[in-house]
Amino acid sequence: MKYYLLFALVFLLGSCHLNDDNSPNAVDKPLNAWAEAYFGFDYEEALDYMTPESEKWIRFAASNITEKDVAFINEHNKGANMEIIDRYMMTGDTACSARIRVSDFVQLGFVGQENKVIDQAEYQITLVKRDDKWKVKMEGPLQSGKQSRD
């Protein structure tokens, strides 16, 4: 009887994670899709993976792109690579903080700065679960926490 209860307990605990949309791994697909679109300057596609309140930051980024920027992107944007370094669930499994490493991507310069290709940088990304879907939530312009020297 003891072994039956132990087996049942192990089975129940293990099965919770087979289809668990609240596991840290559940954010991988939307996070990858968002990063590919965002760092590829496909902001319209990136919006599909973002919360509605994050739209203003994408619109802000898009409104600051000049013809010179577009030419630089077309010449140097070879497709960024993204790797999820770690992620952890917060606030009752409806929010997740993920740290990603992005390499070989174009970074547009702010006023008075030059555009450049970045070898590697790390970003902390927040995702929230809305209507059973994980979405990236931006609360400001994306900023790198750690960047390699060019």
N, C-alpha and C. Protein backbone atom coordinates (compact mmCIF):
# COMPACT_ATOMS: atom_id res chain seq x y z
N MET A 1 0.82 -1.19 0.00
CA MET A 1 0.00 0.00 0.00
C MET A 1 0.87 1.26 0.00
N LYS A 2 1.96 1.22 0.80
CA LYS A 2 2.87 2.37 0.86
C LYS A 2 3.42 2.70 -0.52
N TYR A 3 3.83 1.67 -1.24
CA TYR A 3 4.44 1.87 -2.55
C TYR A 3 3.41 2.40 -3.55
N TYR A 4 2.18 1.96 -3.44
CA TYR A 4 1.12 2.45 -4.33
C TYR A 4 0.92 3.95 -4.12
N LEU A 5 0.84 4.39 -2.86
CA LEU A 5 0.66 5.81 -2.56
C LEU A 5 1.86 6.64 -3.02
N LEU A 6 3.05 6.09 -2.80
CA LEU A 6 4.27 6.78 -3.24
C LEU A 6 4.28 6.91 -4.76
N PHE A 7 3.94 5.83 -5.47
CA PHE A 7 3.89 5.86 -6.93
C PHE A 7 2.85 6.88 -7.41
N ALA A 8 1.67 6.88 -6.79
CA ALA A 8 0.61 7.80 -7.17
C ALA A 8 1.05 9.25 -6.96
N LEU A 9 1.71 9.52 -5.84
CA LEU A 9 2.19 10.86 -5.55
C LEU A 9 3.24 11.31 -6.57
N VAL A 10 4.18 10.44 -6.86
CA VAL A 10 5.22 10.77 -7.85
C VAL A 10 4.59 11.00 -9.22
N PHE A 11 3.63 10.18 -9.59
CA PHE A 11 2.95 10.33 -10.88
C PHE A 11 2.22 11.67 -10.96
N LEU A 12 1.49 12.02 -9.91
CA LEU A 12 0.75 13.27 -9.89
C LEU A 12 1.67 14.48 -9.94
N LEU A 13 2.73 14.44 -9.18
CA LEU A 13 3.68 15.56 -9.18
C LEU A 13 4.36 15.70 -10.53
N GLY A 14 4.74 14.58 -11.12
CA GLY A 14 5.40 14.62 -12.42
C GLY A 14 4.47 15.08 -13.52
N SER A 15 3.21 14.69 -13.46
CA SER A 15 2.28 15.05 -14.53
C SER A 15 1.92 16.53 -14.50
N CYS A 16 2.10 17.19 -13.40
CA CYS A 16 1.80 18.62 -13.32
C CYS A 16 2.68 19.42 -14.28
N HIS A 17 3.85 18.93 -14.57
CA HIS A 17 4.78 19.70 -15.40
C HIS A 17 4.75 19.31 -16.86
N LEU A 18 4.00 18.28 -17.23
CA LEU A 18 3.96 17.88 -18.63
C LEU A 18 3.28 18.93 -19.50
N ASN A 19 2.19 19.50 -19.02
CA ASN A 19 1.46 20.51 -19.79
C ASN A 19 1.35 21.80 -19.00
N ASP A 20 2.35 22.13 -18.25
CA ASP A 20 2.30 23.27 -17.34
C ASP A 20 2.66 24.55 -18.09
N ASP A 21 1.65 25.38 -18.40
CA ASP A 21 1.89 26.65 -19.07
C ASP A 21 2.49 27.69 -18.13
N ASN A 22 2.62 27.35 -16.86
CA ASN A 22 3.22 28.26 -15.89
C ASN A 22 4.66 27.92 -15.58
N SER A 23 5.23 26.97 -16.28
CA SER A 23 6.63 26.63 -16.05
C SER A 23 7.50 27.66 -16.76
N PRO A 24 8.70 27.86 -16.28
CA PRO A 24 9.59 28.81 -16.97
C PRO A 24 9.80 28.47 -18.44
N ASN A 25 9.78 27.19 -18.80
CA ASN A 25 9.97 26.80 -20.20
C ASN A 25 8.83 27.25 -21.10
N ALA A 26 7.65 27.50 -20.53
CA ALA A 26 6.49 27.91 -21.33
C ALA A 26 6.71 29.26 -22.01
N VAL A 27 7.62 30.08 -21.50
CA VAL A 27 7.85 31.40 -22.07
C VAL A 27 8.84 31.36 -23.24
N ASP A 28 9.51 30.23 -23.44
CA ASP A 28 10.57 30.16 -24.45
C ASP A 28 10.09 30.51 -25.85
N LYS A 29 9.00 29.90 -26.28
CA LYS A 29 8.53 30.10 -27.65
C LYS A 29 8.12 31.56 -27.90
N PRO A 30 7.25 32.16 -27.05
CA PRO A 30 6.92 33.57 -27.31
C PRO A 30 8.10 34.51 -27.13
N LEU A 31 9.00 34.20 -26.21
CA LEU A 31 10.18 35.05 -26.01
C LEU A 31 11.10 35.00 -27.23
N ASN A 32 11.34 33.81 -27.75
CA ASN A 32 12.16 33.67 -28.96
C ASN A 32 11.53 34.39 -30.15
N ALA A 33 10.22 34.23 -30.32
CA ALA A 33 9.53 34.87 -31.45
C ALA A 33 9.59 36.39 -31.33
N TRP A 34 9.39 36.89 -30.10
CA TRP A 34 9.46 38.34 -29.88
C TRP A 34 10.87 38.85 -30.19
N ALA A 35 11.88 38.19 -29.66
CA ALA A 35 13.27 38.65 -29.84
C ALA A 35 13.65 38.64 -31.31
N GLU A 36 13.26 37.60 -32.03
CA GLU A 36 13.58 37.54 -33.46
C GLU A 36 12.96 38.74 -34.19
N ALA A 37 11.70 39.04 -33.89
CA ALA A 37 11.03 40.16 -34.54
C ALA A 37 11.62 41.50 -34.08
N TYR A 38 11.79 41.67 -32.79
CA TYR A 38 12.26 42.94 -32.25
C TYR A 38 13.66 43.29 -32.75
N PHE A 39 14.58 42.36 -32.63
CA PHE A 39 15.95 42.64 -33.04
C PHE A 39 16.13 42.59 -34.56
N GLY A 40 15.11 42.10 -35.26
CA GLY A 40 15.09 42.14 -36.72
C GLY A 40 14.35 43.35 -37.26
N PHE A 41 13.95 44.26 -36.36
CA PHE A 41 13.24 45.49 -36.68
C PHE A 41 11.88 45.25 -37.32
N ASP A 42 11.29 44.09 -37.07
CA ASP A 42 9.93 43.81 -37.51
C ASP A 42 9.01 44.12 -36.32
N TYR A 43 8.84 45.40 -36.06
CA TYR A 43 8.10 45.84 -34.89
C TYR A 43 6.63 45.44 -34.93
N GLU A 44 6.06 45.39 -36.11
CA GLU A 44 4.65 44.97 -36.23
C GLU A 44 4.49 43.53 -35.75
N GLU A 45 5.41 42.66 -36.13
CA GLU A 45 5.40 41.26 -35.68
C GLU A 45 5.68 41.18 -34.18
N ALA A 46 6.60 41.99 -33.69
CA ALA A 46 6.93 41.99 -32.26
C ALA A 46 5.71 42.32 -31.41
N LEU A 47 4.85 43.20 -31.91
CA LEU A 47 3.65 43.58 -31.17
C LEU A 47 2.74 42.38 -30.87
N ASP A 48 2.77 41.37 -31.73
CA ASP A 48 1.95 40.17 -31.51
C ASP A 48 2.34 39.44 -30.23
N TYR A 49 3.55 39.66 -29.76
CA TYR A 49 4.08 38.96 -28.58
C TYR A 49 4.23 39.89 -27.38
N MET A 50 3.57 41.04 -27.44
CA MET A 50 3.71 42.04 -26.39
C MET A 50 2.35 42.42 -25.80
N THR A 51 2.39 42.93 -24.58
CA THR A 51 1.17 43.42 -23.95
C THR A 51 0.73 44.70 -24.65
N PRO A 52 -0.56 44.99 -24.63
CA PRO A 52 -1.04 46.23 -25.27
C PRO A 52 -0.38 47.49 -24.74
N GLU A 53 -0.10 47.53 -23.44
CA GLU A 53 0.51 48.74 -22.87
C GLU A 53 1.97 48.92 -23.28
N SER A 54 2.57 47.89 -23.86
CA SER A 54 3.95 47.98 -24.34
C SER A 54 4.04 48.61 -25.72
N GLU A 55 2.91 48.72 -26.40
CA GLU A 55 2.89 49.22 -27.78
C GLU A 55 3.51 50.60 -27.90
N LYS A 56 3.31 51.45 -26.90
CA LYS A 56 3.85 52.81 -26.98
C LYS A 56 5.37 52.82 -27.12
N TRP A 57 6.06 51.82 -26.54
CA TRP A 57 7.52 51.80 -26.62
C TRP A 57 7.99 51.34 -27.99
N ILE A 58 7.23 50.47 -28.63
CA ILE A 58 7.55 50.06 -30.00
C ILE A 58 7.29 51.24 -30.94
N ARG A 59 6.20 51.92 -30.75
CA ARG A 59 5.88 53.09 -31.58
C ARG A 59 6.94 54.18 -31.40
N PHE A 60 7.42 54.36 -30.17
CA PHE A 60 8.48 55.32 -29.90
C PHE A 60 9.74 54.94 -30.68
N ALA A 61 10.14 53.67 -30.59
CA ALA A 61 11.34 53.21 -31.30
C ALA A 61 11.18 53.39 -32.80
N ALA A 62 10.02 53.01 -33.33
CA ALA A 62 9.78 53.10 -34.78
C ALA A 62 9.76 54.55 -35.26
N SER A 63 9.22 55.44 -34.44
CA SER A 63 9.11 56.84 -34.86
C SER A 63 10.46 57.54 -34.92
N ASN A 64 11.47 56.98 -34.30
CA ASN A 64 12.79 57.59 -34.29
C ASN A 64 13.73 57.02 -35.35
N ILE A 65 13.26 56.12 -36.18
CA ILE A 65 14.10 55.54 -37.23
C ILE A 65 14.11 56.48 -38.44
N THR A 66 15.31 56.83 -38.85
CA THR A 66 15.49 57.73 -40.00
C THR A 66 15.84 56.92 -41.25
N GLU A 67 15.89 57.60 -42.38
CA GLU A 67 16.30 56.94 -43.63
C GLU A 67 17.74 56.42 -43.51
N LYS A 68 18.57 57.18 -42.82
CA LYS A 68 19.96 56.76 -42.59
C LYS A 68 19.98 55.45 -41.79
N ASP A 69 19.10 55.37 -40.78
CA ASP A 69 19.01 54.15 -39.97
C ASP A 69 18.57 52.96 -40.83
N VAL A 70 17.57 53.17 -41.66
CA VAL A 70 17.07 52.10 -42.53
C VAL A 70 18.18 51.59 -43.43
N ALA A 71 18.97 52.49 -43.99
CA ALA A 71 20.09 52.09 -44.85
C ALA A 71 21.11 51.28 -44.05
N PHE A 72 21.39 51.68 -42.82
CA PHE A 72 22.34 50.96 -41.97
C PHE A 72 21.79 49.57 -41.64
N ILE A 73 20.52 49.50 -41.29
CA ILE A 73 19.89 48.22 -40.99
C ILE A 73 19.97 47.29 -42.20
N ASN A 74 19.62 47.80 -43.36
CA ASN A 74 19.64 46.98 -44.57
C ASN A 74 21.04 46.46 -44.90
N GLU A 75 22.05 47.27 -44.61
CA GLU A 75 23.42 46.88 -44.90
C GLU A 75 24.01 45.92 -43.87
N HIS A 76 23.67 46.12 -42.59
CA HIS A 76 24.38 45.40 -41.52
C HIS A 76 23.56 44.37 -40.75
N ASN A 77 22.25 44.37 -40.91
CA ASN A 77 21.41 43.45 -40.13
C ASN A 77 21.43 42.07 -40.78
N LYS A 78 22.22 41.19 -40.20
CA LYS A 78 22.38 39.83 -40.74
C LYS A 78 21.54 38.80 -39.99
N GLY A 79 20.78 39.25 -39.03
CA GLY A 79 19.97 38.33 -38.23
C GLY A 79 20.61 38.08 -36.88
N ALA A 80 20.00 38.61 -35.86
CA ALA A 80 20.53 38.47 -34.50
C ALA A 80 20.36 37.04 -34.00
N ASN A 81 21.24 36.66 -33.10
CA ASN A 81 21.13 35.37 -32.42
C ASN A 81 20.73 35.65 -30.99
N MET A 82 19.78 34.85 -30.46
CA MET A 82 19.30 35.05 -29.10
C MET A 82 19.37 33.75 -28.34
N GLU A 83 19.82 33.86 -27.10
CA GLU A 83 19.92 32.71 -26.20
C GLU A 83 19.29 33.10 -24.87
N ILE A 84 18.45 32.22 -24.36
CA ILE A 84 17.86 32.45 -23.04
C ILE A 84 18.86 31.95 -22.01
N ILE A 85 19.32 32.86 -21.15
CA ILE A 85 20.31 32.49 -20.14
C ILE A 85 19.63 31.89 -18.92
N ASP A 86 18.62 32.57 -18.42
CA ASP A 86 17.85 32.02 -17.32
C ASP A 86 16.50 32.70 -17.26
N ARG A 87 15.60 32.11 -16.52
CA ARG A 87 14.28 32.67 -16.34
C ARG A 87 13.72 32.15 -15.03
N TYR A 88 12.90 32.97 -14.41
CA TYR A 88 12.26 32.52 -13.17
C TYR A 88 10.88 33.15 -13.05
N MET A 89 10.00 32.38 -12.45
CA MET A 89 8.62 32.79 -12.29
C MET A 89 8.51 33.75 -11.10
N MET A 90 7.62 34.71 -11.23
CA MET A 90 7.38 35.67 -10.16
C MET A 90 5.87 35.79 -9.95
N THR A 91 5.47 36.41 -8.91
CA THR A 91 4.09 36.80 -8.66
C THR A 91 3.06 35.74 -9.03
N GLY A 92 3.07 34.64 -8.32
CA GLY A 92 2.03 33.64 -8.50
C GLY A 92 1.97 33.01 -9.88
N ASP A 93 3.07 32.84 -10.52
CA ASP A 93 3.16 32.18 -11.83
C ASP A 93 2.44 32.92 -12.96
N THR A 94 2.22 34.21 -12.82
CA THR A 94 1.63 34.98 -13.92
C THR A 94 2.62 35.99 -14.47
N ALA A 95 3.83 35.98 -13.94
CA ALA A 95 4.89 36.85 -14.45
C ALA A 95 6.20 36.06 -14.44
N CYS A 96 7.03 36.37 -15.40
CA CYS A 96 8.31 35.67 -15.53
C CYS A 96 9.37 36.70 -15.91
N SER A 97 10.52 36.60 -15.29
CA SER A 97 11.65 37.44 -15.64
C SER A 97 12.67 36.56 -16.35
N ALA A 98 13.07 36.98 -17.54
CA ALA A 98 14.02 36.19 -18.32
C ALA A 98 15.23 37.06 -18.66
N ARG A 99 16.39 36.45 -18.60
CA ARG A 99 17.62 37.13 -19.02
C ARG A 99 18.05 36.49 -20.33
N ILE A 100 18.21 37.33 -21.34
CA ILE A 100 18.60 36.82 -22.66
C ILE A 100 19.92 37.44 -23.08
N ARG A 101 20.64 36.71 -23.93
CA ARG A 101 21.87 37.21 -24.52
C ARG A 101 21.63 37.29 -26.03
N VAL A 102 21.83 38.48 -26.57
CA VAL A 102 21.62 38.71 -28.00
C VAL A 102 22.97 39.06 -28.60
N SER A 103 23.26 38.47 -29.76
CA SER A 103 24.54 38.76 -30.40
C SER A 103 24.33 39.06 -31.88
N ASP A 104 25.30 39.79 -32.41
CA ASP A 104 25.33 40.16 -33.83
C ASP A 104 24.06 40.89 -34.27
N PHE A 105 23.77 41.99 -33.58
CA PHE A 105 22.56 42.75 -33.93
C PHE A 105 22.89 44.22 -34.09
N VAL A 106 22.03 44.91 -34.82
CA VAL A 106 22.18 46.34 -35.05
C VAL A 106 21.57 47.10 -33.88
N GLN A 107 22.34 48.05 -33.36
CA GLN A 107 21.84 48.96 -32.34
C GLN A 107 21.84 50.36 -32.93
N LEU A 108 20.68 50.97 -32.99
CA LEU A 108 20.59 52.31 -33.52
C LEU A 108 21.05 53.30 -32.47
N GLY A 109 21.83 54.29 -32.90
CA GLY A 109 22.34 55.29 -31.99
C GLY A 109 21.28 56.31 -31.63
N PHE A 110 21.39 56.83 -30.42
CA PHE A 110 20.51 57.92 -30.03
C PHE A 110 21.03 59.20 -30.67
N VAL A 111 20.36 60.30 -30.45
CA VAL A 111 20.76 61.57 -31.05
C VAL A 111 22.23 61.83 -30.78
N GLY A 112 22.98 62.06 -31.83
CA GLY A 112 24.40 62.35 -31.70
C GLY A 112 25.29 61.12 -31.61
N GLN A 113 24.71 59.93 -31.61
CA GLN A 113 25.49 58.70 -31.55
C GLN A 113 25.37 57.96 -32.87
N GLU A 114 26.39 57.18 -33.16
CA GLU A 114 26.41 56.40 -34.39
C GLU A 114 25.70 55.06 -34.20
N ASN A 115 25.14 54.55 -35.28
CA ASN A 115 24.60 53.19 -35.29
C ASN A 115 25.77 52.23 -35.26
N LYS A 116 25.55 51.03 -34.70
CA LYS A 116 26.64 50.06 -34.68
C LYS A 116 26.08 48.64 -34.61
N VAL A 117 26.95 47.71 -34.94
CA VAL A 117 26.62 46.30 -34.79
C VAL A 117 27.21 45.85 -33.46
N ILE A 118 26.38 45.26 -32.62
CA ILE A 118 26.79 44.83 -31.29
C ILE A 118 27.15 43.35 -31.32
N ASP A 119 28.33 43.04 -30.81
CA ASP A 119 28.76 41.64 -30.74
C ASP A 119 27.86 40.84 -29.81
N GLN A 120 27.61 41.40 -28.62
CA GLN A 120 26.85 40.66 -27.63
C GLN A 120 26.36 41.61 -26.53
N ALA A 121 25.12 41.41 -26.10
CA ALA A 121 24.56 42.19 -24.99
C ALA A 121 23.52 41.34 -24.28
N GLU A 122 23.28 41.66 -23.02
CA GLU A 122 22.29 40.93 -22.23
C GLU A 122 21.15 41.87 -21.86
N TYR A 123 19.95 41.31 -21.83
CA TYR A 123 18.75 42.07 -21.50
C TYR A 123 17.90 41.29 -20.51
N GLN A 124 17.27 42.02 -19.60
CA GLN A 124 16.31 41.44 -18.67
C GLN A 124 14.93 41.74 -19.25
N ILE A 125 14.16 40.70 -19.52
CA ILE A 125 12.85 40.83 -20.15
C ILE A 125 11.78 40.31 -19.20
N THR A 126 10.71 41.06 -19.06
CA THR A 126 9.58 40.63 -18.24
C THR A 126 8.46 40.13 -19.15
N LEU A 127 7.92 38.98 -18.80
CA LEU A 127 6.76 38.44 -19.52
C LEU A 127 5.63 38.27 -18.52
N VAL A 128 4.41 38.47 -18.98
CA VAL A 128 3.23 38.28 -18.14
C VAL A 128 2.25 37.39 -18.88
N LYS A 129 1.47 36.65 -18.12
CA LYS A 129 0.48 35.75 -18.70
C LYS A 129 -0.85 36.50 -18.79
N ARG A 130 -1.34 36.64 -20.02
CA ARG A 130 -2.61 37.30 -20.28
C ARG A 130 -3.44 36.42 -21.20
N ASP A 131 -4.66 36.13 -20.81
CA ASP A 131 -5.55 35.28 -21.60
C ASP A 131 -4.86 33.97 -22.01
N ASP A 132 -4.17 33.37 -21.05
CA ASP A 132 -3.46 32.10 -21.24
C ASP A 132 -2.32 32.16 -22.25
N LYS A 133 -1.80 33.36 -22.53
CA LYS A 133 -0.66 33.52 -23.44
C LYS A 133 0.40 34.36 -22.73
N TRP A 134 1.65 33.98 -22.94
CA TRP A 134 2.76 34.75 -22.39
C TRP A 134 3.09 35.89 -23.34
N LYS A 135 3.20 37.10 -22.78
CA LYS A 135 3.48 38.31 -23.55
C LYS A 135 4.63 39.09 -22.91
N VAL A 136 5.46 39.68 -23.75
CA VAL A 136 6.54 40.54 -23.27
C VAL A 136 5.93 41.86 -22.81
N LYS A 137 6.37 42.32 -21.66
CA LYS A 137 5.88 43.59 -21.11
C LYS A 137 7.05 44.56 -21.02
N MET A 138 6.99 45.61 -21.82
CA MET A 138 8.02 46.64 -21.78
C MET A 138 7.50 47.83 -20.98
N GLU A 139 8.33 48.32 -20.08
CA GLU A 139 7.95 49.48 -19.28
C GLU A 139 8.82 50.69 -19.62
N GLY A 140 9.54 50.59 -20.71
CA GLY A 140 10.41 51.65 -21.19
C GLY A 140 11.21 51.13 -22.36
N PRO A 141 12.03 51.98 -22.95
CA PRO A 141 12.89 51.51 -24.03
C PRO A 141 13.80 50.38 -23.55
N LEU A 142 14.05 49.41 -24.39
CA LEU A 142 14.90 48.28 -24.02
C LEU A 142 16.33 48.75 -23.78
N GLN A 143 16.89 48.34 -22.65
CA GLN A 143 18.25 48.73 -22.30
C GLN A 143 19.06 47.50 -21.94
N SER A 144 20.27 47.47 -22.41
CA SER A 144 21.16 46.36 -22.12
C SER A 144 21.70 46.48 -20.71
N GLY A 145 21.74 45.34 -20.02
CA GLY A 145 22.34 45.32 -18.70
C GLY A 145 23.82 45.04 -18.74
N LYS A 146 24.26 44.37 -19.79
CA LYS A 146 25.68 44.00 -19.93
C LYS A 146 25.99 43.93 -21.40
N GLN A 147 27.01 44.63 -21.82
CA GLN A 147 27.34 44.69 -23.23
C GLN A 147 28.83 44.49 -23.41
N SER A 148 29.18 43.74 -24.44
CA SER A 148 30.61 43.54 -24.71
C SER A 148 31.19 44.80 -25.33
N ARG A 149 32.46 44.97 -25.17
CA ARG A 149 33.13 46.12 -25.78
C ARG A 149 33.40 45.83 -27.25
N ASP A 150 33.16 46.84 -28.09
CA ASP A 150 33.38 46.66 -29.54
C ASP A 150 34.84 46.65 -29.87
